[in-house]
C-alpha atoms as a PDB file:
ATOM      1  CA  MET A   1      35.608  57.759  95.477  1.00  0.00           C
ATOM      2  CA  SER A   2      31.863  57.282  95.222  1.00  0.00           C
ATOM      3  CA  GLN A   3      29.269  57.715  92.507  1.00  0.00           C
ATOM      4  CA  THR A   4      25.904  59.357  92.154  1.00  0.00           C
ATOM      5  CA  LEU A   5      23.297  60.051  89.518  1.00  0.00           C
ATOM      6  CA  ALA A   6      22.502  63.432  88.020  1.00  0.00           C
ATOM      7  CA  ILE A   7      19.972  64.262  85.309  1.00  0.00           C
ATOM      8  CA  ILE A   8      20.170  67.409  83.231  1.00  0.00           C
ATOM      9  CA  LYS A   9      16.454  68.076  82.902  1.00  0.00           C
ATOM     10  CA  PRO A  10      14.431  68.965  79.780  1.00  0.00           C
ATOM     11  CA  ASP A  11      14.359  72.712  80.502  1.00  0.00           C
ATOM     12  CA  ALA A  12      18.154  72.926  80.531  1.00  0.00           C
ATOM     13  CA  VAL A  13      18.476  70.772  77.394  1.00  0.00           C
ATOM     14  CA  ALA A  14      15.906  72.977  75.602  1.00  0.00           C
ATOM     15  CA  ALA A  15      17.661  76.155  76.761  1.00  0.00           C
ATOM     16  CA  GLY A  16      20.995  74.940  75.377  1.00  0.00           C
ATOM     17  CA  THR A  17      22.728  74.997  78.747  1.00  0.00           C
ATOM     18  CA  ALA A  18      23.456  71.262  79.091  1.00  0.00           C
ATOM     19  CA  GLY A  19      27.075  71.711  78.007  1.00  0.00           C
ATOM     20  CA  LYS A  20      27.582  74.555  80.472  1.00  0.00           C
ATOM     21  CA  ILE A  21      26.099  72.450  83.275  1.00  0.00           C
ATOM     22  CA  LEU A  22      28.313  69.514  82.391  1.00  0.00           C
ATOM     23  CA  ALA A  23      31.372  71.792  82.322  1.00  0.00           C
ATOM     24  CA  HIS A  24      30.322  73.226  85.702  1.00  0.00           C
ATOM     25  CA  LEU A  25      30.139  69.715  87.185  1.00  0.00           C
ATOM     26  CA  GLU A  26      33.540  68.762  85.788  1.00  0.00           C
ATOM     27  CA  ALA A  27      35.064  72.011  87.071  1.00  0.00           C
ATOM     28  CA  ALA A  28      33.650  71.142  90.511  1.00  0.00           C
ATOM     29  CA  GLY A  29      35.704  67.940  90.448  1.00  0.00           C
ATOM     30  CA  PHE A  30      33.223  65.364  89.161  1.00  0.00           C
ATOM     31  CA  ARG A  31      34.280  62.763  86.652  1.00  0.00           C
ATOM     32  CA  VAL A  32      31.628  61.602  84.187  1.00  0.00           C
ATOM     33  CA  ARG A  33      31.544  57.798  84.279  1.00  0.00           C
ATOM     34  CA  SER A  34      28.563  57.310  81.951  1.00  0.00           C
ATOM     35  CA  LEU A  35      26.171  59.632  80.125  1.00  0.00           C
ATOM     36  CA  LYS A  36      23.361  59.418  77.611  1.00  0.00           C
ATOM     37  CA  MET A  37      20.541  61.478  76.195  1.00  0.00           C
ATOM     38  CA  THR A  38      17.058  59.996  76.415  1.00  0.00           C
ATOM     39  CA  ARG A  39      13.431  61.010  76.359  1.00  0.00           C
ATOM     40  CA  LEU A  40      11.389  59.530  79.190  1.00  0.00           C
ATOM     41  CA  THR A  41       7.961  58.068  78.568  1.00  0.00           C
ATOM     42  CA  ALA A  42       5.169  58.864  81.028  1.00  0.00           C
ATOM     43  CA  ASP A  43       5.520  55.339  82.422  1.00  0.00           C
ATOM     44  CA  GLN A  44       9.279  55.721  82.950  1.00  0.00           C
ATOM     45  CA  ALA A  45       8.960  59.153  84.566  1.00  0.00           C
ATOM     46  CA  GLY A  46       6.124  57.868  86.740  1.00  0.00           C
ATOM     47  CA  ARG A  47       8.215  54.933  87.948  1.00  0.00           C
ATOM     48  CA  PHE A  48      11.300  57.078  88.511  1.00  0.00           C
ATOM     49  CA  TYR A  49       9.384  59.622  90.596  1.00  0.00           C
ATOM     50  CA  ALA A  50       7.040  57.071  92.239  1.00  0.00           C
ATOM     51  CA  VAL A  51       8.176  58.256  95.671  1.00  0.00           C
ATOM     52  CA  HIS A  52       6.301  61.505  94.953  1.00  0.00           C
ATOM     53  CA  ARG A  53       3.110  59.831  93.667  1.00  0.00           C
ATOM     54  CA  GLU A  54       0.930  61.161  96.518  1.00  0.00           C
ATOM     55  CA  ARG A  55       2.260  64.722  96.333  1.00  0.00           C
ATOM     56  CA  PRO A  56       0.274  67.433  94.553  1.00  0.00           C
ATOM     57  CA  PHE A  57       3.106  68.183  92.098  1.00  0.00           C
ATOM     58  CA  TYR A  58       3.503  64.575  90.873  1.00  0.00           C
ATOM     59  CA  GLY A  59       1.444  64.978  87.680  1.00  0.00           C
ATOM     60  CA  SER A  60       3.185  68.160  86.624  1.00  0.00           C
ATOM     61  CA  LEU A  61       6.587  66.621  87.444  1.00  0.00           C
ATOM     62  CA  VAL A  62       5.891  63.638  85.183  1.00  0.00           C
ATOM     63  CA  ALA A  63       4.624  65.950  82.419  1.00  0.00           C
ATOM     64  CA  TYR A  64       7.702  68.162  82.741  1.00  0.00           C
ATOM     65  CA  MET A  65      10.162  65.252  82.702  1.00  0.00           C
ATOM     66  CA  THR A  66       8.549  63.883  79.527  1.00  0.00           C
ATOM     67  CA  SER A  67       8.410  67.260  77.761  1.00  0.00           C
ATOM     68  CA  GLY A  68      11.761  66.796  76.031  1.00  0.00           C
ATOM     69  CA  PRO A  69      15.054  64.973  76.192  1.00  0.00           C
ATOM     70  CA  CYS A  70      17.061  64.737  79.386  1.00  0.00           C
ATOM     71  CA  ILE A  71      20.631  63.657  80.090  1.00  0.00           C
ATOM     72  CA  PRO A  72      21.142  61.156  82.906  1.00  0.00           C
ATOM     73  CA  MET A  73      24.741  60.632  83.969  1.00  0.00           C
ATOM     74  CA  ILE A  74      26.806  58.824  86.535  1.00  0.00           C
ATOM     75  CA  LEU A  75      29.239  61.141  88.289  1.00  0.00           C
ATOM     76  CA  GLU A  76      32.189  60.178  90.461  1.00  0.00           C
ATOM     77  CA  ALA A  77      33.920  62.187  93.167  1.00  0.00           C
ATOM     78  CA  GLU A  78      34.893  61.996  96.802  1.00  0.00           C
ATOM     79  CA  ASP A  79      31.611  61.997  98.781  1.00  0.00           C
ATOM     80  CA  ALA A  80      29.742  62.311  95.470  1.00  0.00           C
ATOM     81  CA  VAL A  81      26.172  62.544  96.812  1.00  0.00           C
ATOM     82  CA  PRO A  82      26.596  65.451  99.264  1.00  0.00           C
ATOM     83  CA  LYS A  83      29.128  67.149  97.011  1.00  0.00           C
ATOM     84  CA  LEU A  84      26.712  67.111  94.075  1.00  0.00           C
ATOM     85  CA  ARG A  85      23.819  68.368  96.211  1.00  0.00           C
ATOM     86  CA  GLU A  86      26.011  71.285  97.305  1.00  0.00           C
ATOM     87  CA  THR A  87      27.191  71.946  93.733  1.00  0.00           C
ATOM     88  CA  ILE A  88      23.680  72.132  92.291  1.00  0.00           C
ATOM     89  CA  GLY A  89      22.130  74.234  95.081  1.00  0.00           C
ATOM     90  CA  ALA A  90      18.644  74.454  96.570  1.00  0.00           C
ATOM     91  CA  THR A  91      15.623  73.197  94.600  1.00  0.00           C
ATOM     92  CA  ASP A  92      14.311  76.756  94.315  1.00  0.00           C
ATOM     93  CA  PRO A  93      16.875  78.788  92.359  1.00  0.00           C
ATOM     94  CA  ALA A  94      15.820  81.900  94.295  1.00  0.00           C
ATOM     95  CA  GLU A  95      17.141  80.173  97.426  1.00  0.00           C
ATOM     96  CA  ALA A  96      20.201  78.568  95.804  1.00  0.00           C
ATOM     97  CA  ALA A  97      23.668  79.812  96.695  1.00  0.00           C
ATOM     98  CA  GLU A  98      25.531  81.993  94.219  1.00  0.00           C
ATOM     99  CA  GLY A  99      27.541  79.995  91.722  1.00  0.00           C
ATOM    100  CA  THR A 100      25.479  76.813  92.012  1.00  0.00           C
ATOM    101  CA  VAL A 101      24.017  75.101  88.956  1.00  0.00           C
ATOM    102  CA  ARG A 102      20.450  76.005  89.862  1.00  0.00           C
ATOM    103  CA  LYS A 103      21.268  79.630  90.648  1.00  0.00           C
ATOM    104  CA  LEU A 104      22.944  79.917  87.256  1.00  0.00           C
ATOM    105  CA  TYR A 105      20.684  77.815  85.020  1.00  0.00           C
ATOM    106  CA  ALA A 106      17.319  76.976  86.631  1.00  0.00           C
ATOM    107  CA  GLU A 107      14.137  78.748  85.549  1.00  0.00           C
ATOM    108  CA  SER A 108      12.019  78.060  88.643  1.00  0.00           C
ATOM    109  CA  LYS A 109      11.502  75.679  91.538  1.00  0.00           C
ATOM    110  CA  GLU A 110       9.756  73.221  89.202  1.00  0.00           C
ATOM    111  CA  ARG A 111      11.960  73.768  86.132  1.00  0.00           C
ATOM    112  CA  ASN A 112      15.199  73.562  88.064  1.00  0.00           C
ATOM    113  CA  ALA A 113      17.683  72.295  85.435  1.00  0.00           C
ATOM    114  CA  ILE A 114      19.078  69.253  87.239  1.00  0.00           C
ATOM    115  CA  HIS A 115      18.211  66.266  89.405  1.00  0.00           C
ATOM    116  CA  ALA A 116      20.634  64.778  91.924  1.00  0.00           C
ATOM    117  CA  SER A 117      20.258  61.651  94.034  1.00  0.00           C
ATOM    118  CA  ASP A 118      19.632  62.464  97.689  1.00  0.00           C
ATOM    119  CA  SER A 119      21.416  59.478  99.296  1.00  0.00           C
ATOM    120  CA  PRO A 120      23.932  56.788  98.367  1.00  0.00           C
ATOM    121  CA  GLU A 121      21.116  54.222  98.493  1.00  0.00           C
ATOM    122  CA  ASN A 122      18.952  56.208  96.075  1.00  0.00           C
ATOM    123  CA  ALA A 123      21.982  56.879  93.876  1.00  0.00           C
ATOM    124  CA  ALA A 124      22.392  53.113  93.427  1.00  0.00           C
ATOM    125  CA  ILE A 125      18.680  52.637  92.653  1.00  0.00           C
ATOM    126  CA  GLU A 126      18.524  55.601  90.289  1.00  0.00           C
ATOM    127  CA  THR A 127      21.728  54.609  88.508  1.00  0.00           C
ATOM    128  CA  ALA A 128      20.311  51.128  87.875  1.00  0.00           C
ATOM    129  CA  PHE A 129      17.122  52.707  86.505  1.00  0.00           C
ATOM    130  CA  PHE A 130      19.015  54.427  83.687  1.00  0.00           C
ATOM    131  CA  PHE A 131      22.154  52.370  83.131  1.00  0.00           C
ATOM    132  CA  ALA A 132      22.583  48.644  82.548  1.00  0.00           C
ATOM    133  CA  THR A 133      25.566  47.145  84.335  1.00  0.00           C
ATOM    134  CA  GLN A 134      27.630  46.952  81.135  1.00  0.00           C
ATOM    135  CA  ASP A 135      27.091  50.700  80.572  1.00  0.00           C
ATOM    136  CA  ARG A 136      28.552  51.696  83.925  1.00  0.00           C
ATOM    137  CA  ILE A 137      32.249  52.515  83.878  1.00  0.00           C
ATOM    138  CA  GLY A 138      34.150  51.967  87.103  1.00  0.00           C
ATOM    139  CA  LEU A 139      31.285  50.381  89.039  1.00  0.00           C
END
């Protein structure tokens, strides 16, 4: 078993689909190991997405991620990182496979309902960003 980080983004929380997304993830075989609701500050969102700082969408990404509450969570499954990426679908919901989280719940490429770590290394970094060691179950 391995773990990864997912974040139900502000658009999905505002739309009232967070519970459906969580149920979708559990039905796909993920076990929730830790979860909380938070509202990111501009500083926190900027640090979390620092890898994108030079990209043209960085400012709008930070604004979007601070527009309302989000739900970061640690998920566990066999091959958690690639399994979650497959479960959520392509960044652009128009390109996402049928039945994926983004196909079902995303509004657009930018307001795409959920974040998922893209590698085991980033999963560890991103998990530490949101969860103190004592808040992580099974780590």
